Amino acid sequence: MLIAVGIVVGAVVFRWRRAIEALRVLRRIGWAYVIAIVLLAVIYVVRDGGL
């Protein structure tokens, strides 16, 4: 958690290039995580017979 806060502060406040790139990577990982959760939810709904 502290690492993520450090990356955000470094990217937003200090405009560190490496922190900005790390934040971009973390954002992509976050979106992939959200998509995976939504796909799993859809699979469970379809497998259990729909809504």
N, C-alpha and C. Protein backbone atom coordinates (compact mmCIF):
# COMPACT_ATOMS: atom_id res chain seq x y z
N MET A 1 0.83 -1.20 0.00
CA MET A 1 0.00 0.00 0.00
C MET A 1 0.86 1.25 0.00
N LEU A 2 1.90 1.25 0.84
CA LEU A 2 2.78 2.41 0.90
C LEU A 2 3.54 2.62 -0.41
N ILE A 3 3.85 1.52 -1.08
CA ILE A 3 4.55 1.63 -2.37
C ILE A 3 3.65 2.33 -3.38
N ALA A 4 2.38 1.95 -3.41
CA ALA A 4 1.44 2.57 -4.34
C ALA A 4 1.28 4.05 -4.05
N VAL A 5 1.20 4.41 -2.77
CA VAL A 5 1.08 5.83 -2.40
C VAL A 5 2.34 6.58 -2.82
N GLY A 6 3.50 5.96 -2.62
CA GLY A 6 4.76 6.59 -3.04
C GLY A 6 4.83 6.81 -4.53
N ILE A 7 4.34 5.84 -5.31
CA ILE A 7 4.33 5.98 -6.76
C ILE A 7 3.41 7.11 -7.19
N VAL A 8 2.22 7.18 -6.59
CA VAL A 8 1.26 8.24 -6.93
C VAL A 8 1.83 9.61 -6.58
N VAL A 9 2.40 9.74 -5.39
CA VAL A 9 2.98 11.03 -4.97
C VAL A 9 4.14 11.39 -5.90
N GLY A 10 4.99 10.42 -6.22
CA GLY A 10 6.11 10.70 -7.11
C GLY A 10 5.65 11.13 -8.50
N ALA A 11 4.58 10.53 -8.98
CA ALA A 11 4.09 10.85 -10.32
C ALA A 11 3.37 12.18 -10.36
N VAL A 12 2.54 12.44 -9.36
CA VAL A 12 1.69 13.64 -9.39
C VAL A 12 2.43 14.86 -8.86
N VAL A 13 3.09 14.73 -7.73
CA VAL A 13 3.71 15.89 -7.09
C VAL A 13 5.07 16.21 -7.70
N PHE A 14 5.91 15.19 -7.82
CA PHE A 14 7.29 15.44 -8.24
C PHE A 14 7.53 15.22 -9.73
N ARG A 15 6.53 14.66 -10.44
CA ARG A 15 6.61 14.42 -11.88
C ARG A 15 7.82 13.56 -12.25
N TRP A 16 8.10 12.55 -11.41
CA TRP A 16 9.19 11.62 -11.72
C TRP A 16 8.79 10.75 -12.88
N ARG A 17 9.68 10.63 -13.84
CA ARG A 17 9.40 9.86 -15.06
C ARG A 17 9.13 8.39 -14.74
N ARG A 18 9.96 7.81 -13.90
CA ARG A 18 9.78 6.39 -13.55
C ARG A 18 8.47 6.17 -12.80
N ALA A 19 8.09 7.11 -11.95
CA ALA A 19 6.83 6.98 -11.21
C ALA A 19 5.64 7.08 -12.15
N ILE A 20 5.73 7.95 -13.14
CA ILE A 20 4.65 8.09 -14.11
C ILE A 20 4.49 6.80 -14.91
N GLU A 21 5.61 6.22 -15.33
CA GLU A 21 5.56 4.95 -16.07
C GLU A 21 5.01 3.83 -15.19
N ALA A 22 5.43 3.79 -13.93
CA ALA A 22 4.94 2.76 -13.01
C ALA A 22 3.44 2.92 -12.78
N LEU A 23 2.99 4.16 -12.68
CA LEU A 23 1.56 4.41 -12.49
C LEU A 23 0.77 3.95 -13.70
N ARG A 24 1.32 4.15 -14.88
CA ARG A 24 0.66 3.69 -16.11
C ARG A 24 0.53 2.17 -16.11
N VAL A 25 1.60 1.48 -15.70
CA VAL A 25 1.57 0.02 -15.64
C VAL A 25 0.56 -0.45 -14.59
N LEU A 26 0.55 0.20 -13.43
CA LEU A 26 -0.41 -0.17 -12.38
C LEU A 26 -1.85 0.05 -12.84
N ARG A 27 -2.07 1.09 -13.62
CA ARG A 27 -3.41 1.35 -14.13
C ARG A 27 -3.85 0.24 -15.08
N ARG A 28 -2.93 -0.22 -15.94
CA ARG A 28 -3.26 -1.32 -16.86
C ARG A 28 -3.54 -2.60 -16.09
N ILE A 29 -2.74 -2.87 -15.07
CA ILE A 29 -2.96 -4.07 -14.26
C ILE A 29 -4.32 -3.98 -13.56
N GLY A 30 -4.66 -2.79 -13.07
CA GLY A 30 -5.95 -2.60 -12.42
C GLY A 30 -7.12 -2.86 -13.35
N TRP A 31 -7.03 -2.36 -14.59
CA TRP A 31 -8.09 -2.59 -15.55
C TRP A 31 -8.20 -4.07 -15.90
N ALA A 32 -7.06 -4.74 -16.03
CA ALA A 32 -7.08 -6.19 -16.32
C ALA A 32 -7.76 -6.94 -15.18
N TYR A 33 -7.51 -6.52 -13.95
CA TYR A 33 -8.12 -7.15 -12.77
C TYR A 33 -9.64 -6.95 -12.79
N VAL A 34 -10.07 -5.75 -13.09
CA VAL A 34 -11.52 -5.46 -13.14
C VAL A 34 -12.19 -6.28 -14.24
N ILE A 35 -11.56 -6.36 -15.41
CA ILE A 35 -12.12 -7.14 -16.52
C ILE A 35 -12.20 -8.62 -16.15
N ALA A 36 -11.17 -9.13 -15.47
CA ALA A 36 -11.18 -10.53 -15.06
C ALA A 36 -12.32 -10.80 -14.08
N ILE A 37 -12.57 -9.91 -13.15
CA ILE A 37 -13.66 -10.09 -12.18
C ILE A 37 -15.01 -10.08 -12.89
N VAL A 38 -15.19 -9.16 -13.83
CA VAL A 38 -16.46 -9.09 -14.56
C VAL A 38 -16.66 -10.36 -15.39
N LEU A 39 -15.60 -10.83 -16.05
CA LEU A 39 -15.73 -12.06 -16.83
C LEU A 39 -16.06 -13.26 -15.96
N LEU A 40 -15.44 -13.35 -14.80
CA LEU A 40 -15.77 -14.44 -13.88
C LEU A 40 -17.22 -14.37 -13.42
N ALA A 41 -17.70 -13.16 -13.15
CA ALA A 41 -19.09 -13.00 -12.75
C ALA A 41 -20.03 -13.45 -13.85
N VAL A 42 -19.73 -13.09 -15.09
CA VAL A 42 -20.56 -13.49 -16.23
C VAL A 42 -20.54 -15.01 -16.38
N ILE A 43 -19.36 -15.61 -16.24
CA ILE A 43 -19.26 -17.07 -16.35
C ILE A 43 -20.11 -17.75 -15.28
N TYR A 44 -20.04 -17.27 -14.04
CA TYR A 44 -20.84 -17.88 -12.97
C TYR A 44 -22.33 -17.70 -13.21
N VAL A 45 -22.75 -16.55 -13.72
CA VAL A 45 -24.16 -16.32 -13.98
C VAL A 45 -24.65 -17.25 -15.09
N VAL A 46 -23.87 -17.36 -16.16
CA VAL A 46 -24.27 -18.22 -17.28
C VAL A 46 -24.28 -19.68 -16.83
N ARG A 47 -23.28 -20.08 -16.07
CA ARG A 47 -23.18 -21.47 -15.63
C ARG A 47 -24.34 -21.85 -14.70
N ASP A 48 -24.78 -20.91 -13.88
CA ASP A 48 -25.86 -21.20 -12.95
C ASP A 48 -27.25 -21.03 -13.56
N GLY A 49 -27.34 -20.74 -14.83
CA GLY A 49 -28.65 -20.71 -15.49
C GLY A 49 -29.20 -19.33 -15.71
N GLY A 50 -28.38 -18.33 -15.71
CA GLY A 50 -28.84 -16.97 -16.01
C GLY A 50 -29.33 -16.22 -14.79
N LEU A 51 -29.93 -15.09 -15.06
CA LEU A 51 -30.41 -14.23 -13.98
C LEU A 51 -31.70 -14.80 -13.46
